[in-house]
Amino acid sequence: MRTPTGPVPVVQVDTGSPWSALVPRSEPLFVIAVKTPDNPDRTVARQAIRTCLTGILGEMWGCEPADVTLTHTPGQPLRAQGPHSPEWGLSVSHEAGLSVAAVNRLGPVGVDIVCESPAFDWHAVAHDYMGPAMARQLASQPLVSQNQQFLRAWARHEAGLKCLSLGLVEWSPALQSRLAALQVVDLELPAGWLGTIVCP
């Protein structure tokens, strides 16, 4: 994966935010972040991110939030439709305590976040899903940083799969070739969180 030029704006919002003051007017690619309940139930988190997305997209498209419809088909990216709306790339990621949504006005996008966690045995997961070369690269890092390096690599990997409209599949040279052609940038998130956005 390649790194795009320039930072990707991350806009902190909540369901009561004044959308007109928060909309990035010029950036083709941006991310919104919403604090959510710190538990594994995503019902409230999904509703919160959808409320913020429809509010911001409605402001950008010149329509009411109620006129923006978000639809999701399993295995496919989230889609937004409104009166005369363009076809923008959308991607969403949830963890307990934080949800993010990425918007790309120029095409597909993938976003993923992970919460930093205590060390665990990640070696088999890295080998099976990110490939033997990545597993070796992670294992070569100082022991104290291996867990965080794995989590960051995992967020990049998941975001890449989302950008390609793929589910979680085992590593293959063909998949690696497709992922390598994408652009990736790590997000600046609150302490304790790691996140990445990926686009063509």
N, C-alpha and C. Protein backbone atom coordinates (compact mmCIF):
# COMPACT_ATOMS: atom_id res chain seq x y z
N MET A 1 0.83 -1.19 0.00
CA MET A 1 0.00 0.00 0.00
C MET A 1 0.87 1.25 0.00
N ARG A 2 0.38 2.28 -0.69
CA ARG A 2 1.12 3.53 -0.80
C ARG A 2 0.50 4.59 0.12
N THR A 3 1.28 5.63 0.44
CA THR A 3 0.81 6.68 1.32
C THR A 3 0.42 7.91 0.51
N PRO A 4 -0.84 8.43 0.66
CA PRO A 4 -1.24 9.61 -0.08
C PRO A 4 -0.60 10.86 0.49
N THR A 5 -0.56 11.92 -0.30
CA THR A 5 0.01 13.18 0.16
C THR A 5 -1.03 13.93 0.98
N GLY A 6 -0.58 14.57 2.06
CA GLY A 6 -1.46 15.40 2.87
C GLY A 6 -2.24 14.59 3.88
N PRO A 7 -2.60 15.25 5.02
CA PRO A 7 -3.37 14.56 6.05
C PRO A 7 -4.83 14.41 5.66
N VAL A 8 -5.49 13.45 6.29
CA VAL A 8 -6.93 13.26 6.10
C VAL A 8 -7.64 13.87 7.30
N PRO A 9 -8.52 14.87 7.10
CA PRO A 9 -9.18 15.50 8.24
C PRO A 9 -10.06 14.51 9.00
N VAL A 10 -9.98 14.54 10.33
CA VAL A 10 -10.85 13.76 11.20
C VAL A 10 -11.69 14.76 11.99
N VAL A 11 -13.00 14.77 11.76
CA VAL A 11 -13.90 15.73 12.37
C VAL A 11 -14.64 15.05 13.52
N GLN A 12 -14.47 15.55 14.74
CA GLN A 12 -15.18 15.01 15.89
C GLN A 12 -16.60 15.59 15.90
N VAL A 13 -17.60 14.71 15.91
CA VAL A 13 -18.99 15.17 15.87
C VAL A 13 -19.81 14.40 16.90
N ASP A 14 -21.03 14.86 17.12
CA ASP A 14 -22.01 14.10 17.88
C ASP A 14 -23.37 14.34 17.24
N THR A 15 -24.38 13.63 17.71
CA THR A 15 -25.68 13.68 17.04
C THR A 15 -26.36 15.04 17.14
N GLY A 16 -25.86 15.91 18.00
CA GLY A 16 -26.45 17.24 18.10
C GLY A 16 -25.59 18.32 17.48
N SER A 17 -24.61 17.94 16.69
CA SER A 17 -23.68 18.91 16.11
C SER A 17 -24.36 19.80 15.07
N PRO A 18 -23.93 21.09 14.97
CA PRO A 18 -24.41 21.96 13.88
C PRO A 18 -23.67 21.59 12.60
N TRP A 19 -24.33 20.87 11.71
CA TRP A 19 -23.66 20.31 10.54
C TRP A 19 -22.98 21.36 9.68
N SER A 20 -23.59 22.53 9.53
CA SER A 20 -23.03 23.55 8.64
C SER A 20 -21.65 24.01 9.09
N ALA A 21 -21.37 23.92 10.38
CA ALA A 21 -20.08 24.38 10.89
C ALA A 21 -19.01 23.28 10.81
N LEU A 22 -19.42 22.06 10.55
CA LEU A 22 -18.50 20.94 10.60
C LEU A 22 -18.12 20.39 9.23
N VAL A 23 -18.89 20.71 8.21
CA VAL A 23 -18.68 20.10 6.90
C VAL A 23 -17.35 20.54 6.29
N PRO A 24 -16.46 19.60 5.95
CA PRO A 24 -15.24 19.95 5.21
C PRO A 24 -15.61 20.36 3.78
N ARG A 25 -15.45 21.61 3.45
CA ARG A 25 -15.95 22.12 2.17
C ARG A 25 -15.07 21.80 0.99
N SER A 26 -13.77 21.64 1.22
CA SER A 26 -12.87 21.50 0.08
C SER A 26 -12.21 20.14 -0.03
N GLU A 27 -12.04 19.44 1.10
CA GLU A 27 -11.31 18.16 1.06
C GLU A 27 -12.14 17.09 0.36
N PRO A 28 -11.57 16.37 -0.58
CA PRO A 28 -12.31 15.29 -1.23
C PRO A 28 -12.45 14.06 -0.34
N LEU A 29 -11.60 13.96 0.69
CA LEU A 29 -11.56 12.78 1.54
C LEU A 29 -11.52 13.23 2.99
N PHE A 30 -12.48 12.75 3.80
CA PHE A 30 -12.48 13.13 5.21
C PHE A 30 -13.14 12.04 6.04
N VAL A 31 -12.94 12.14 7.36
CA VAL A 31 -13.45 11.15 8.31
C VAL A 31 -14.18 11.86 9.43
N ILE A 32 -15.32 11.32 9.85
CA ILE A 32 -15.99 11.81 11.04
C ILE A 32 -15.85 10.76 12.13
N ALA A 33 -15.69 11.21 13.37
CA ALA A 33 -15.53 10.32 14.52
C ALA A 33 -16.58 10.67 15.56
N VAL A 34 -17.23 9.65 16.11
CA VAL A 34 -18.32 9.84 17.07
C VAL A 34 -18.06 8.97 18.29
N LYS A 35 -18.08 9.57 19.47
CA LYS A 35 -17.97 8.79 20.70
C LYS A 35 -19.27 8.02 20.92
N THR A 36 -19.15 6.75 21.29
CA THR A 36 -20.31 5.88 21.45
C THR A 36 -20.19 5.12 22.78
N PRO A 37 -21.24 4.43 23.19
CA PRO A 37 -21.16 3.69 24.46
C PRO A 37 -20.01 2.69 24.47
N ASP A 38 -19.36 2.58 25.60
CA ASP A 38 -18.20 1.71 25.73
C ASP A 38 -18.65 0.29 26.06
N ASN A 39 -19.35 -0.32 25.10
CA ASN A 39 -19.77 -1.71 25.25
C ASN A 39 -19.87 -2.34 23.86
N PRO A 40 -19.93 -3.67 23.78
CA PRO A 40 -19.90 -4.33 22.47
C PRO A 40 -21.19 -4.25 21.67
N ASP A 41 -22.29 -3.77 22.27
CA ASP A 41 -23.55 -3.64 21.56
C ASP A 41 -23.46 -2.45 20.60
N ARG A 42 -23.56 -2.73 19.30
CA ARG A 42 -23.36 -1.67 18.30
C ARG A 42 -24.66 -0.98 17.87
N THR A 43 -25.78 -1.30 18.48
CA THR A 43 -27.06 -0.72 18.05
C THR A 43 -27.03 0.80 18.15
N VAL A 44 -26.64 1.32 19.31
CA VAL A 44 -26.59 2.76 19.50
C VAL A 44 -25.50 3.39 18.64
N ALA A 45 -24.36 2.69 18.52
CA ALA A 45 -23.25 3.22 17.71
C ALA A 45 -23.66 3.35 16.25
N ARG A 46 -24.34 2.34 15.72
CA ARG A 46 -24.77 2.40 14.32
C ARG A 46 -25.73 3.57 14.10
N GLN A 47 -26.66 3.74 15.03
CA GLN A 47 -27.62 4.83 14.88
C GLN A 47 -26.93 6.18 14.97
N ALA A 48 -25.96 6.31 15.86
CA ALA A 48 -25.26 7.58 16.03
C ALA A 48 -24.48 7.95 14.77
N ILE A 49 -23.73 6.99 14.21
CA ILE A 49 -22.92 7.32 13.03
C ILE A 49 -23.81 7.60 11.83
N ARG A 50 -24.95 6.90 11.74
CA ARG A 50 -25.87 7.15 10.63
C ARG A 50 -26.51 8.54 10.76
N THR A 51 -26.85 8.93 11.99
CA THR A 51 -27.42 10.27 12.20
C THR A 51 -26.43 11.35 11.78
N CYS A 52 -25.17 11.17 12.16
CA CYS A 52 -24.15 12.16 11.81
C CYS A 52 -23.87 12.16 10.31
N LEU A 53 -23.83 10.99 9.70
CA LEU A 53 -23.59 10.92 8.26
C LEU A 53 -24.71 11.59 7.47
N THR A 54 -25.96 11.28 7.81
CA THR A 54 -27.06 11.89 7.06
C THR A 54 -27.10 13.40 7.28
N GLY A 55 -26.73 13.85 8.47
CA GLY A 55 -26.70 15.29 8.72
C GLY A 55 -25.65 15.99 7.89
N ILE A 56 -24.45 15.45 7.86
CA ILE A 56 -23.36 16.07 7.12
C ILE A 56 -23.59 15.96 5.61
N LEU A 57 -24.02 14.79 5.13
CA LEU A 57 -24.27 14.64 3.69
C LEU A 57 -25.43 15.52 3.24
N GLY A 58 -26.47 15.63 4.08
CA GLY A 58 -27.57 16.52 3.74
C GLY A 58 -27.11 17.96 3.59
N GLU A 59 -26.22 18.40 4.49
CA GLU A 59 -25.68 19.75 4.41
C GLU A 59 -24.86 19.93 3.13
N MET A 60 -24.07 18.92 2.78
CA MET A 60 -23.22 19.02 1.60
C MET A 60 -24.04 18.95 0.32
N TRP A 61 -25.14 18.22 0.34
CA TRP A 61 -25.95 18.04 -0.86
C TRP A 61 -27.10 19.04 -0.95
N GLY A 62 -27.25 19.89 0.07
CA GLY A 62 -28.30 20.89 0.02
C GLY A 62 -29.70 20.33 0.23
N CYS A 63 -29.81 19.31 1.07
CA CYS A 63 -31.11 18.73 1.36
C CYS A 63 -31.23 18.44 2.85
N GLU A 64 -32.40 18.04 3.29
CA GLU A 64 -32.61 17.71 4.69
C GLU A 64 -32.00 16.34 5.00
N PRO A 65 -31.53 16.14 6.25
CA PRO A 65 -31.01 14.82 6.62
C PRO A 65 -32.01 13.70 6.36
N ALA A 66 -33.29 13.98 6.52
CA ALA A 66 -34.31 12.96 6.30
C ALA A 66 -34.39 12.54 4.84
N ASP A 67 -33.86 13.36 3.94
CA ASP A 67 -33.88 13.03 2.51
C ASP A 67 -32.69 12.17 2.09
N VAL A 68 -31.77 11.92 3.02
CA VAL A 68 -30.60 11.08 2.74
C VAL A 68 -30.87 9.66 3.24
N THR A 69 -30.76 8.70 2.38
CA THR A 69 -31.01 7.31 2.72
C THR A 69 -29.70 6.53 2.69
N LEU A 70 -29.43 5.83 3.77
CA LEU A 70 -28.24 4.98 3.85
C LEU A 70 -28.67 3.53 3.72
N THR A 71 -28.05 2.80 2.81
CA THR A 71 -28.38 1.39 2.62
C THR A 71 -27.12 0.55 2.69
N HIS A 72 -27.26 -0.65 3.19
CA HIS A 72 -26.10 -1.54 3.32
C HIS A 72 -26.49 -2.95 2.92
N THR A 73 -25.75 -3.50 1.98
CA THR A 73 -25.89 -4.89 1.56
C THR A 73 -24.71 -5.66 2.10
N PRO A 74 -24.94 -6.80 2.78
CA PRO A 74 -23.81 -7.56 3.33
C PRO A 74 -22.74 -7.83 2.28
N GLY A 75 -21.49 -7.53 2.66
CA GLY A 75 -20.37 -7.73 1.75
C GLY A 75 -20.10 -6.56 0.83
N GLN A 76 -20.94 -5.52 0.92
CA GLN A 76 -20.77 -4.34 0.06
C GLN A 76 -20.65 -3.09 0.93
N PRO A 77 -20.04 -2.02 0.39
CA PRO A 77 -19.91 -0.80 1.17
C PRO A 77 -21.26 -0.13 1.41
N LEU A 78 -21.29 0.70 2.45
CA LEU A 78 -22.46 1.52 2.73
C LEU A 78 -22.69 2.47 1.56
N ARG A 79 -23.96 2.69 1.20
CA ARG A 79 -24.29 3.61 0.12
C ARG A 79 -25.24 4.68 0.63
N ALA A 80 -25.07 5.89 0.12
CA ALA A 80 -25.94 7.01 0.49
C ALA A 80 -26.62 7.53 -0.77
N GLN A 81 -27.91 7.80 -0.64
CA GLN A 81 -28.69 8.35 -1.75
C GLN A 81 -29.51 9.52 -1.26
N GLY A 82 -29.60 10.54 -2.10
CA GLY A 82 -30.40 11.72 -1.81
C GLY A 82 -30.83 12.36 -3.11
N PRO A 83 -31.58 13.44 -3.03
CA PRO A 83 -31.99 14.13 -4.26
C PRO A 83 -30.78 14.60 -5.06
N HIS A 84 -30.62 14.08 -6.24
CA HIS A 84 -29.51 14.48 -7.13
C HIS A 84 -28.15 14.26 -6.48
N SER A 85 -28.02 13.23 -5.65
CA SER A 85 -26.76 13.01 -4.94
C SER A 85 -25.73 12.34 -5.83
N PRO A 86 -24.45 12.71 -5.66
CA PRO A 86 -23.38 12.04 -6.41
C PRO A 86 -23.09 10.67 -5.79
N GLU A 87 -22.31 9.86 -6.50
CA GLU A 87 -21.93 8.54 -6.01
C GLU A 87 -20.60 8.65 -5.28
N TRP A 88 -20.67 8.84 -3.98
CA TRP A 88 -19.46 8.99 -3.16
C TRP A 88 -19.15 7.68 -2.45
N GLY A 89 -17.86 7.45 -2.19
CA GLY A 89 -17.45 6.28 -1.44
C GLY A 89 -17.65 6.49 0.05
N LEU A 90 -18.21 5.49 0.73
CA LEU A 90 -18.44 5.54 2.17
C LEU A 90 -17.89 4.28 2.82
N SER A 91 -17.43 4.41 4.05
CA SER A 91 -16.98 3.25 4.82
C SER A 91 -17.13 3.58 6.30
N VAL A 92 -17.49 2.58 7.09
CA VAL A 92 -17.75 2.78 8.52
C VAL A 92 -17.00 1.72 9.31
N SER A 93 -16.56 2.09 10.51
CA SER A 93 -15.93 1.13 11.42
C SER A 93 -16.36 1.44 12.85
N HIS A 94 -16.62 0.40 13.62
CA HIS A 94 -17.05 0.54 15.01
C HIS A 94 -16.12 -0.23 15.94
N GLU A 95 -15.86 0.37 17.09
CA GLU A 95 -15.29 -0.32 18.24
C GLU A 95 -16.04 0.20 19.46
N ALA A 96 -16.03 -0.56 20.54
CA ALA A 96 -16.70 -0.09 21.74
C ALA A 96 -16.10 1.25 22.18
N GLY A 97 -16.91 2.29 22.19
CA GLY A 97 -16.46 3.61 22.61
C GLY A 97 -16.21 4.59 21.49
N LEU A 98 -16.08 4.13 20.25
CA LEU A 98 -15.79 5.04 19.14
C LEU A 98 -16.27 4.43 17.82
N SER A 99 -16.88 5.27 17.00
CA SER A 99 -17.25 4.88 15.63
C SER A 99 -16.73 5.95 14.68
N VAL A 100 -16.32 5.53 13.48
CA VAL A 100 -15.85 6.46 12.47
C VAL A 100 -16.51 6.15 11.13
N ALA A 101 -16.62 7.18 10.31
CA ALA A 101 -17.11 7.01 8.94
C ALA A 101 -16.22 7.82 8.03
N ALA A 102 -15.82 7.22 6.91
CA ALA A 102 -14.99 7.89 5.91
C ALA A 102 -15.85 8.23 4.69
N VAL A 103 -15.60 9.40 4.12
CA VAL A 103 -16.29 9.84 2.91
C VAL A 103 -15.25 10.22 1.88
N ASN A 104 -15.36 9.64 0.69
CA ASN A 104 -14.45 9.96 -0.42
C ASN A 104 -15.29 10.41 -1.60
N ARG A 105 -15.15 11.67 -1.97
CA ARG A 105 -15.93 12.21 -3.09
C ARG A 105 -15.43 11.71 -4.44
N LEU A 106 -14.26 11.08 -4.45
CA LEU A 106 -13.63 10.70 -5.72
C LEU A 106 -13.69 9.22 -6.04
N GLY A 107 -14.19 8.40 -5.11
CA GLY A 107 -14.24 6.97 -5.40
C GLY A 107 -14.31 6.12 -4.15
N PRO A 108 -13.97 4.85 -4.25
CA PRO A 108 -14.08 3.93 -3.11
C PRO A 108 -13.17 4.34 -1.95
N VAL A 109 -13.52 3.86 -0.77
CA VAL A 109 -12.73 4.15 0.42
C VAL A 109 -12.96 3.04 1.43
N GLY A 110 -11.97 2.81 2.26
CA GLY A 110 -12.09 1.87 3.36
C GLY A 110 -11.52 2.49 4.62
N VAL A 111 -12.18 2.27 5.76
CA VAL A 111 -11.66 2.78 7.03
C VAL A 111 -11.81 1.69 8.08
N ASP A 112 -10.85 1.63 8.98
CA ASP A 112 -10.94 0.67 10.07
C ASP A 112 -10.25 1.23 11.30
N ILE A 113 -10.83 0.95 12.47
CA ILE A 113 -10.22 1.37 13.73
C ILE A 113 -10.11 0.15 14.64
N VAL A 114 -9.13 0.19 15.53
CA VAL A 114 -8.96 -0.84 16.55
C VAL A 114 -8.63 -0.14 17.86
N CYS A 115 -9.05 -0.76 18.94
CA CYS A 115 -8.71 -0.27 20.27
C CYS A 115 -7.45 -0.98 20.74
N GLU A 116 -6.49 -0.21 21.23
CA GLU A 116 -5.26 -0.83 21.73
C GLU A 116 -5.61 -1.79 22.86
N SER A 117 -4.99 -2.96 22.86
CA SER A 117 -5.34 -4.00 23.80
C SER A 117 -4.09 -4.66 24.36
N PRO A 118 -4.24 -5.42 25.45
CA PRO A 118 -3.07 -6.14 25.99
C PRO A 118 -2.52 -7.11 24.96
N ALA A 119 -1.28 -7.48 25.15
CA ALA A 119 -0.61 -8.39 24.21
C ALA A 119 -1.34 -9.73 24.12
N PHE A 120 -1.37 -10.27 22.92
CA PHE A 120 -1.96 -11.58 22.69
C PHE A 120 -1.18 -12.25 21.57
N ASP A 121 -1.46 -13.53 21.33
CA ASP A 121 -0.72 -14.27 20.31
C ASP A 121 -1.34 -14.01 18.93
N TRP A 122 -0.74 -13.09 18.19
CA TRP A 122 -1.26 -12.66 16.90
C TRP A 122 -0.60 -13.38 15.73
N HIS A 123 0.39 -14.21 15.97
CA HIS A 123 1.25 -14.74 14.90
C HIS A 123 0.47 -15.52 13.84
N ALA A 124 -0.42 -16.42 14.26
CA ALA A 124 -1.15 -17.23 13.28
C ALA A 124 -2.09 -16.36 12.44
N VAL A 125 -2.74 -15.40 13.08
CA VAL A 125 -3.65 -14.51 12.35
C VAL A 125 -2.88 -13.71 11.31
N ALA A 126 -1.72 -13.17 11.70
CA ALA A 126 -0.91 -12.40 10.76
C ALA A 126 -0.47 -13.26 9.58
N HIS A 127 -0.03 -14.47 9.86
CA HIS A 127 0.45 -15.36 8.79
C HIS A 127 -0.67 -15.73 7.84
N ASP A 128 -1.84 -16.08 8.38
CA ASP A 128 -2.93 -16.58 7.55
C ASP A 128 -3.61 -15.48 6.73
N TYR A 129 -3.71 -14.27 7.29
CA TYR A 129 -4.50 -13.24 6.64
C TYR A 129 -3.68 -12.10 6.04
N MET A 130 -2.48 -11.86 6.57
CA MET A 130 -1.65 -10.78 6.02
C MET A 130 -0.40 -11.30 5.33
N GLY A 131 -0.17 -12.60 5.40
CA GLY A 131 0.91 -13.21 4.64
C GLY A 131 2.16 -13.46 5.44
N PRO A 132 2.99 -14.41 4.98
CA PRO A 132 4.22 -14.76 5.72
C PRO A 132 5.22 -13.62 5.81
N ALA A 133 5.30 -12.79 4.79
CA ALA A 133 6.26 -11.68 4.83
C ALA A 133 5.88 -10.68 5.92
N MET A 134 4.61 -10.34 6.03
CA MET A 134 4.17 -9.41 7.07
C MET A 134 4.34 -10.03 8.45
N ALA A 135 4.05 -11.33 8.57
CA ALA A 135 4.24 -11.99 9.87
C ALA A 135 5.70 -11.92 10.30
N ARG A 136 6.61 -12.14 9.36
CA ARG A 136 8.04 -12.06 9.69
C ARG A 136 8.44 -10.63 10.04
N GLN A 137 7.91 -9.67 9.30
CA GLN A 137 8.23 -8.27 9.57
C GLN A 137 7.79 -7.86 10.97
N LEU A 138 6.59 -8.27 11.35
CA LEU A 138 6.08 -7.93 12.68
C LEU A 138 6.90 -8.62 13.76
N ALA A 139 7.26 -9.87 13.53
CA ALA A 139 8.04 -10.62 14.52
C ALA A 139 9.44 -10.07 14.69
N SER A 140 9.93 -9.31 13.70
CA SER A 140 11.27 -8.74 13.78
C SER A 140 11.30 -7.44 14.59
N GLN A 141 10.13 -6.90 14.94
CA GLN A 141 10.07 -5.66 15.71
C GLN A 141 10.41 -5.95 17.19
N PRO A 142 10.83 -4.92 17.92
CA PRO A 142 11.07 -5.11 19.36
C PRO A 142 9.83 -5.70 20.03
N LEU A 143 10.05 -6.63 20.93
CA LEU A 143 8.94 -7.35 21.55
C LEU A 143 7.92 -6.41 22.18
N VAL A 144 8.39 -5.32 22.77
CA VAL A 144 7.50 -4.41 23.48
C VAL A 144 6.51 -3.73 22.54
N SER A 145 6.86 -3.62 21.25
CA SER A 145 6.00 -2.90 20.31
C SER A 145 5.26 -3.82 19.33
N GLN A 146 5.50 -5.12 19.39
CA GLN A 146 4.92 -6.02 18.41
C GLN A 146 3.39 -6.00 18.41
N ASN A 147 2.78 -5.98 19.59
CA ASN A 147 1.32 -6.02 19.66
C ASN A 147 0.71 -4.79 18.98
N GLN A 148 1.25 -3.61 19.29
CA GLN A 148 0.72 -2.39 18.68
C GLN A 148 0.98 -2.38 17.18
N GLN A 149 2.15 -2.86 16.75
CA GLN A 149 2.44 -2.91 15.33
C GLN A 149 1.49 -3.85 14.60
N PHE A 150 1.15 -4.97 15.24
CA PHE A 150 0.17 -5.88 14.63
C PHE A 150 -1.18 -5.20 14.51
N LEU A 151 -1.65 -4.53 15.56
CA LEU A 151 -2.96 -3.88 15.52
C LEU A 151 -3.00 -2.81 14.42
N ARG A 152 -1.92 -2.06 14.28
CA ARG A 152 -1.89 -1.04 13.22
C ARG A 152 -1.92 -1.71 11.84
N ALA A 153 -1.15 -2.77 11.67
CA ALA A 153 -1.14 -3.48 10.39
C ALA A 153 -2.51 -4.10 10.11
N TRP A 154 -3.16 -4.58 11.15
CA TRP A 154 -4.48 -5.19 10.98
C TRP A 154 -5.50 -4.14 10.54
N ALA A 155 -5.46 -2.95 11.14
CA ALA A 155 -6.37 -1.88 10.73
C ALA A 155 -6.13 -1.51 9.27
N ARG A 156 -4.89 -1.44 8.85
CA ARG A 156 -4.57 -1.15 7.46
C ARG A 156 -5.12 -2.24 6.54
N HIS A 157 -4.95 -3.48 6.97
CA HIS A 157 -5.41 -4.61 6.15
C HIS A 157 -6.93 -4.59 6.00
N GLU A 158 -7.64 -4.44 7.10
CA GLU A 158 -9.10 -4.42 7.07
C GLU A 158 -9.61 -3.25 6.23
N ALA A 159 -9.00 -2.09 6.37
CA ALA A 159 -9.42 -0.93 5.58
C ALA A 159 -9.20 -1.19 4.09
N GLY A 160 -8.10 -1.85 3.76
CA GLY A 160 -7.84 -2.18 2.36
C GLY A 160 -8.88 -3.12 1.79
N LEU A 161 -9.26 -4.14 2.57
CA LEU A 161 -10.30 -5.06 2.12
C LEU A 161 -11.62 -4.33 1.90
N LYS A 162 -11.95 -3.42 2.80
CA LYS A 162 -13.20 -2.65 2.64
C LYS A 162 -13.15 -1.80 1.38
N CYS A 163 -12.01 -1.20 1.11
CA CYS A 163 -11.89 -0.38 -0.10
C CYS A 163 -12.12 -1.22 -1.35
N LEU A 164 -11.71 -2.48 -1.30
CA LEU A 164 -11.88 -3.38 -2.44
C LEU A 164 -13.22 -4.11 -2.42
N SER A 165 -14.06 -3.78 -1.42
CA SER A 165 -15.37 -4.44 -1.26
C SER A 165 -15.22 -5.94 -1.07
N LEU A 166 -14.22 -6.31 -0.26
CA LEU A 166 -13.96 -7.71 0.04
C LEU A 166 -14.19 -7.98 1.52
N GLY A 167 -14.66 -9.18 1.84
CA GLY A 167 -14.72 -9.61 3.21
C GLY A 167 -13.36 -10.14 3.65
N LEU A 168 -13.30 -10.64 4.87
CA LEU A 168 -12.05 -11.18 5.38
C LEU A 168 -11.74 -12.51 4.70
N VAL A 169 -10.65 -12.56 3.99
CA VAL A 169 -10.23 -13.76 3.27
C VAL A 169 -8.76 -14.03 3.59
N GLU A 170 -8.36 -15.28 3.44
CA GLU A 170 -6.97 -15.63 3.70
C GLU A 170 -6.05 -15.00 2.65
N TRP A 171 -4.82 -14.77 3.05
CA TRP A 171 -3.83 -14.12 2.20
C TRP A 171 -3.54 -14.96 0.95
N SER A 172 -3.27 -14.25 -0.12
CA SER A 172 -2.80 -14.88 -1.36
C SER A 172 -1.95 -13.86 -2.10
N PRO A 173 -1.06 -14.30 -2.98
CA PRO A 173 -0.27 -13.33 -3.76
C PRO A 173 -1.16 -12.39 -4.58
N ALA A 174 -2.27 -12.90 -5.10
CA ALA A 174 -3.17 -12.06 -5.90
C ALA A 174 -3.78 -10.96 -5.03
N LEU A 175 -4.21 -11.33 -3.82
CA LEU A 175 -4.77 -10.33 -2.92
C LEU A 175 -3.72 -9.31 -2.54
N GLN A 176 -2.52 -9.77 -2.24
CA GLN A 176 -1.44 -8.85 -1.88
C GLN A 176 -1.17 -7.85 -2.99
N SER A 177 -1.24 -8.28 -4.24
CA SER A 177 -1.01 -7.39 -5.37
C SER A 177 -2.07 -6.30 -5.44
N ARG A 178 -3.31 -6.68 -5.18
CA ARG A 178 -4.39 -5.68 -5.21
C ARG A 178 -4.25 -4.68 -4.06
N LEU A 179 -3.92 -5.17 -2.89
CA LEU A 179 -3.76 -4.28 -1.74
C LEU A 179 -2.58 -3.34 -1.91
N ALA A 180 -1.51 -3.83 -2.54
CA ALA A 180 -0.30 -3.02 -2.70
C ALA A 180 -0.53 -1.80 -3.58
N ALA A 181 -1.55 -1.83 -4.42
CA ALA A 181 -1.82 -0.72 -5.33
C ALA A 181 -2.61 0.41 -4.65
N LEU A 182 -3.06 0.20 -3.42
CA LEU A 182 -3.90 1.18 -2.74
C LEU A 182 -3.05 2.19 -1.97
N GLN A 183 -3.66 3.33 -1.68
CA GLN A 183 -3.03 4.35 -0.86
C GLN A 183 -3.54 4.22 0.58
N VAL A 184 -2.65 4.38 1.54
CA VAL A 184 -3.04 4.22 2.95
C VAL A 184 -2.46 5.36 3.78
N VAL A 185 -3.26 5.83 4.73
CA VAL A 185 -2.76 6.83 5.68
C VAL A 185 -3.37 6.53 7.05
N ASP A 186 -2.52 6.57 8.08
CA ASP A 186 -3.00 6.34 9.43
C ASP A 186 -3.68 7.61 9.95
N LEU A 187 -4.74 7.41 10.73
CA LEU A 187 -5.54 8.53 11.24
C LEU A 187 -5.03 8.99 12.60
N GLU A 188 -5.23 10.27 12.88
CA GLU A 188 -4.93 10.81 14.21
C GLU A 188 -6.21 10.71 15.03
N LEU A 189 -6.21 9.76 15.97
CA LEU A 189 -7.39 9.48 16.79
C LEU A 189 -7.05 9.70 18.26
N PRO A 190 -8.07 9.73 19.12
CA PRO A 190 -7.79 9.87 20.56
C PRO A 190 -6.88 8.77 21.06
N ALA A 191 -6.19 9.04 22.16
CA ALA A 191 -5.27 8.06 22.75
C ALA A 191 -6.00 6.74 23.00
N GLY A 192 -5.32 5.64 22.68
CA GLY A 192 -5.90 4.33 22.88
C GLY A 192 -6.54 3.74 21.63
N TRP A 193 -6.54 4.53 20.54
CA TRP A 193 -7.17 4.07 19.31
C TRP A 193 -6.17 4.14 18.17
N LEU A 194 -6.27 3.19 17.26
CA LEU A 194 -5.49 3.20 16.03
C LEU A 194 -6.46 3.09 14.86
N GLY A 195 -6.20 3.83 13.81
CA GLY A 195 -7.10 3.79 12.66
C GLY A 195 -6.40 4.12 11.37
N THR A 196 -6.98 3.65 10.29
CA THR A 196 -6.39 3.82 8.96
C THR A 196 -7.49 4.05 7.93
N ILE A 197 -7.18 4.86 6.93
CA ILE A 197 -8.06 5.05 5.81
C ILE A 197 -7.32 4.65 4.54
N VAL A 198 -8.03 3.99 3.62
CA VAL A 198 -7.40 3.48 2.39
C VAL A 198 -8.27 3.85 1.21
N CYS A 199 -7.63 4.25 0.13
CA CYS A 199 -8.36 4.60 -1.10
C CYS A 199 -7.50 4.21 -2.31
N PRO A 200 -8.09 4.15 -3.50
CA PRO A 200 -7.31 3.78 -4.70
C PRO A 200 -6.21 4.78 -4.99
